């Protein structure tokens, strides 16, 4: 049966979100194929069906496991959820899978966030099991913000590059400009506290300029 306009809009949204997730994984160094990055809306429909339904829940079909290009033990699960708001039972379900498969890193993509109880449960699990779980709302992944013309290039510095920078300019992390972990670009790349990011800006007058920021959690 053909999808109505509402279903067509949902399919288009989920296709765009999934594409952004693949781009995010690729930009973090995880293995993503060119076909996955270039998948068209029609190819997405052919793969997942013409419309989401109660018999075939579309969002959970989008779950994926990505492996890092440099380390095949570095794996990241990406979860999509059919329920609008994630509760404690769902948190327990996906963290149990992480334990079973010995995966410490996950991204959860939700329609409307987590319940208060689920947030507390997830925080407790992060602290006790050292899980690295990132949360994005679907609306935040509709577009890839790093591709906007006004967003400068962000380049994560290796530990060696960071130490060389500190030595060359006699820098101390506590005196550097800050990039918060809550910044949309920092969240896209998954930057962690203590890392240093090179930000490259282009302008018609100044040409190419670079600045450096240290990643920090909000106070």
Protein backbone atom coordinates (compact mmCIF):
# COMPACT_ATOMS: atom_id res chain seq x y z
CA UNK A 1 0.00 0.00 0.00
CA UNK A 2 1.33 3.42 -0.94
CA UNK A 3 2.48 5.71 1.84
CA UNK A 4 0.33 8.73 2.59
CA UNK A 5 1.83 12.21 2.97
CA UNK A 6 2.50 11.73 6.68
CA UNK A 7 4.38 8.49 6.08
CA UNK A 8 6.34 10.08 3.24
CA UNK A 9 7.44 12.87 5.56
CA UNK A 10 8.53 10.34 8.22
CA UNK A 11 10.50 8.34 5.67
CA UNK A 12 12.23 11.45 4.38
CA UNK A 13 13.13 12.52 7.93
CA UNK A 14 14.50 9.11 8.91
CA UNK A 15 16.52 8.88 5.70
CA UNK A 16 18.12 12.26 6.42
CA UNK A 17 18.84 11.35 10.06
CA UNK A 18 20.39 8.02 9.10
CA UNK A 19 22.57 9.75 6.51
CA UNK A 20 23.82 12.23 9.13
CA UNK A 21 24.61 9.35 11.51
CA UNK A 22 26.68 7.65 8.81
CA UNK A 23 28.49 10.93 8.10
CA UNK A 24 29.12 11.40 11.81
CA UNK A 25 30.54 7.90 12.10
CA UNK A 26 32.75 8.42 9.06
CA UNK A 27 34.04 11.75 10.38
CA UNK A 28 34.94 10.06 13.69
CA UNK A 29 37.01 7.43 11.88
CA UNK A 30 34.51 4.57 11.85
CA UNK A 31 34.15 2.34 8.80
CA UNK A 32 31.27 3.52 6.62
CA UNK A 33 30.91 2.55 2.97
CA UNK A 34 30.46 4.99 0.12
CA UNK A 35 27.12 3.34 -0.67
CA UNK A 36 25.94 4.08 2.87
CA UNK A 37 27.06 7.69 2.64
CA UNK A 38 25.49 8.19 -0.80
CA UNK A 39 22.26 6.27 -0.26
CA UNK A 40 19.32 7.97 -1.97
CA UNK A 41 15.83 8.32 -0.55
CA UNK A 42 14.54 5.75 -3.02
CA UNK A 43 17.26 3.27 -2.03
CA UNK A 44 16.32 3.86 1.61
CA UNK A 45 12.66 3.10 0.78
CA UNK A 46 13.66 -0.03 -1.13
CA UNK A 47 15.65 -1.24 1.88
CA UNK A 48 13.22 -0.43 4.69
CA UNK A 49 9.81 -0.48 3.02
CA UNK A 50 7.39 2.13 1.77
CA UNK A 51 6.14 3.22 5.18
CA UNK A 52 6.67 2.55 8.87
CA UNK A 53 4.04 0.33 10.42
CA UNK A 54 3.11 -1.39 13.66
CA UNK A 55 4.12 -4.70 12.06
CA UNK A 56 7.56 -3.48 11.04
CA UNK A 57 8.78 -0.71 13.36
CA UNK A 58 10.92 1.52 11.20
CA UNK A 59 13.13 3.19 13.77
CA UNK A 60 14.45 0.05 15.43
CA UNK A 61 15.26 -1.30 11.98
CA UNK A 62 17.83 1.48 11.68
CA UNK A 63 20.03 0.27 14.56
CA UNK A 64 23.65 -0.16 13.49
CA UNK A 65 27.05 -1.28 14.73
CA UNK A 66 30.11 0.63 13.54
CA UNK A 67 33.73 -0.46 13.86
CA UNK A 68 36.62 2.01 13.98
CA UNK A 69 39.01 2.02 11.05
CA UNK A 70 42.13 1.99 13.26
CA UNK A 71 40.98 -0.48 15.93
CA UNK A 72 38.46 -3.26 15.33
CA UNK A 73 37.91 -3.58 19.09
CA UNK A 74 36.61 -0.01 19.12
CA UNK A 75 32.94 -0.51 18.27
CA UNK A 76 29.99 1.82 18.59
CA UNK A 77 26.30 0.89 18.67
CA UNK A 78 23.72 3.35 17.36
CA UNK A 79 20.19 2.83 18.68
CA UNK A 80 16.94 4.23 17.28
CA UNK A 81 13.75 3.86 19.31
CA UNK A 82 10.14 3.38 18.33
CA UNK A 83 8.69 4.87 21.53
CA UNK A 84 8.61 8.70 21.53
CA UNK A 85 10.25 9.03 24.96
CA UNK A 86 12.75 6.54 26.33
CA UNK A 87 11.98 4.97 29.71
CA UNK A 88 13.98 2.96 32.24
CA UNK A 89 13.09 -0.41 30.69
CA UNK A 90 14.50 0.69 27.34
CA UNK A 91 17.68 2.01 28.97
CA UNK A 92 18.16 -1.34 30.70
CA UNK A 93 17.53 -3.18 27.44
CA UNK A 94 20.17 -1.43 25.36
CA UNK A 95 22.76 -1.28 28.14
CA UNK A 96 22.29 -5.05 28.67
CA UNK A 97 23.10 -5.53 25.00
CA UNK A 98 26.21 -3.38 25.42
CA UNK A 99 27.34 -5.57 28.31
CA UNK A 100 26.57 -8.81 26.45
CA UNK A 101 28.57 -7.71 23.40
CA UNK A 102 31.31 -5.97 25.43
CA UNK A 103 30.69 -2.62 23.76
CA UNK A 104 31.34 0.47 25.85
CA UNK A 105 30.28 3.19 23.39
CA UNK A 106 26.80 3.96 22.04
CA UNK A 107 24.77 6.74 20.50
CA UNK A 108 21.04 6.84 21.19
CA UNK A 109 18.74 8.70 18.82
CA UNK A 110 15.35 9.53 20.32
CA UNK A 111 12.24 11.36 19.24
CA UNK A 112 11.63 13.21 22.52
CA UNK A 113 14.50 12.48 24.90
CA UNK A 114 14.44 10.40 28.09
CA UNK A 115 12.13 10.34 31.05
CA UNK A 116 13.56 11.73 34.29
CA UNK A 117 13.87 8.23 35.74
CA UNK A 118 15.61 7.00 32.58
CA UNK A 119 18.12 9.87 32.76
CA UNK A 120 18.98 8.92 36.34
CA UNK A 121 19.33 5.26 35.40
CA UNK A 122 21.57 6.06 32.45
CA UNK A 123 23.77 8.37 34.54
CA UNK A 124 24.17 5.65 37.18
CA UNK A 125 25.12 3.11 34.52
CA UNK A 126 27.64 5.49 32.95
CA UNK A 127 29.30 6.00 36.32
CA UNK A 128 29.24 2.37 37.47
CA UNK A 129 29.98 0.60 34.16
CA UNK A 130 32.00 3.34 32.47
CA UNK A 131 29.67 3.39 29.48
CA UNK A 132 30.13 6.21 26.97
CA UNK A 133 26.55 6.89 25.86
CA UNK A 134 25.76 9.96 23.76
CA UNK A 135 22.22 11.19 23.25
CA UNK A 136 20.81 13.03 20.24
CA UNK A 137 17.29 14.08 19.42
CA UNK A 138 16.11 13.23 15.92
CA UNK A 139 15.64 16.92 15.13
CA UNK A 140 19.32 17.54 15.88
CA UNK A 141 20.38 15.10 13.15
CA UNK A 142 18.12 16.28 10.36
CA UNK A 143 21.09 18.10 8.86
CA UNK A 144 24.85 17.77 9.20
CA UNK A 145 25.80 21.04 10.87
CA UNK A 146 29.48 20.67 9.96
CA UNK A 147 28.56 21.09 6.29
CA UNK A 148 27.09 24.57 6.83
CA UNK A 149 29.16 27.27 5.15
CA UNK A 150 29.40 29.30 8.36
CA UNK A 151 30.82 26.44 10.44
CA UNK A 152 34.64 26.43 10.36
CA UNK A 153 36.66 23.26 10.03
CA UNK A 154 37.37 21.51 13.35
CA UNK A 155 40.42 19.21 13.47
CA UNK A 156 41.11 17.09 16.54
CA UNK A 157 44.79 17.17 17.48
CA UNK A 158 46.61 13.97 18.31
CA UNK A 159 48.31 13.72 21.69
CA UNK A 160 51.67 14.33 19.99
CA UNK A 161 50.32 17.39 18.16
CA UNK A 162 48.83 18.71 21.38
CA UNK A 163 52.09 18.38 23.30
CA UNK A 164 54.06 19.96 20.44
CA UNK A 165 51.63 22.89 20.44
CA UNK A 166 52.01 23.38 24.19
CA UNK A 167 55.81 23.30 23.90
CA UNK A 168 56.02 25.62 20.88
CA UNK A 169 53.85 28.38 22.35
CA UNK A 170 54.46 27.66 26.05
CA UNK A 171 50.73 27.04 26.46
CA UNK A 172 48.88 25.72 29.46
CA UNK A 173 45.45 24.09 28.97
CA UNK A 174 43.86 26.16 31.74
CA UNK A 175 44.77 29.39 29.90
CA UNK A 176 43.43 28.35 26.49
CA UNK A 177 40.11 29.27 24.93
CA UNK A 178 37.44 26.66 25.61
CA UNK A 179 35.25 24.48 23.41
CA UNK A 180 32.43 23.07 25.53
CA UNK A 181 31.39 19.46 25.16
CA UNK A 182 27.83 20.76 24.74
CA UNK A 183 28.78 22.72 21.60
CA UNK A 184 26.90 21.22 18.60
CA UNK A 185 30.10 20.65 16.62
CA UNK A 186 31.84 19.10 19.64
CA UNK A 187 28.88 16.77 20.09
CA UNK A 188 28.92 15.84 16.38
CA UNK A 189 32.57 14.79 16.57
CA UNK A 190 32.31 13.35 20.08
CA UNK A 191 35.16 15.49 21.44
CA UNK A 192 36.18 14.63 25.01
CA UNK A 193 37.37 16.85 27.89
CA UNK A 194 41.08 17.59 27.71
CA UNK A 195 41.36 17.18 23.95
CA UNK A 196 42.60 20.08 21.83
CA UNK A 197 40.86 21.11 18.61
CA UNK A 198 42.30 23.20 15.80
CA UNK A 199 39.66 25.50 14.28
CA UNK A 200 40.40 26.68 10.74
CA UNK A 201 38.60 29.71 9.36
CA UNK A 202 38.65 31.10 5.84
CA UNK A 203 37.93 34.70 4.89
CA UNK A 204 38.37 36.84 1.78
CA UNK A 205 40.46 39.39 3.68
CA UNK A 206 42.48 37.33 6.18
CA UNK A 207 42.74 34.14 4.15
CA UNK A 208 43.28 30.99 6.19
CA UNK A 209 43.68 31.35 9.96
CA UNK A 210 43.82 28.81 12.77
CA UNK A 211 43.09 28.91 16.46
CA UNK A 212 43.14 26.24 19.15
CA UNK A 213 40.67 25.38 21.88
CA UNK A 214 40.74 22.90 24.70
CA UNK A 215 37.61 20.82 25.27
CA UNK A 216 35.92 21.25 28.63
CA UNK A 217 32.69 20.19 30.30
CA UNK A 218 30.35 23.02 31.31
CA UNK A 219 30.79 24.19 34.90
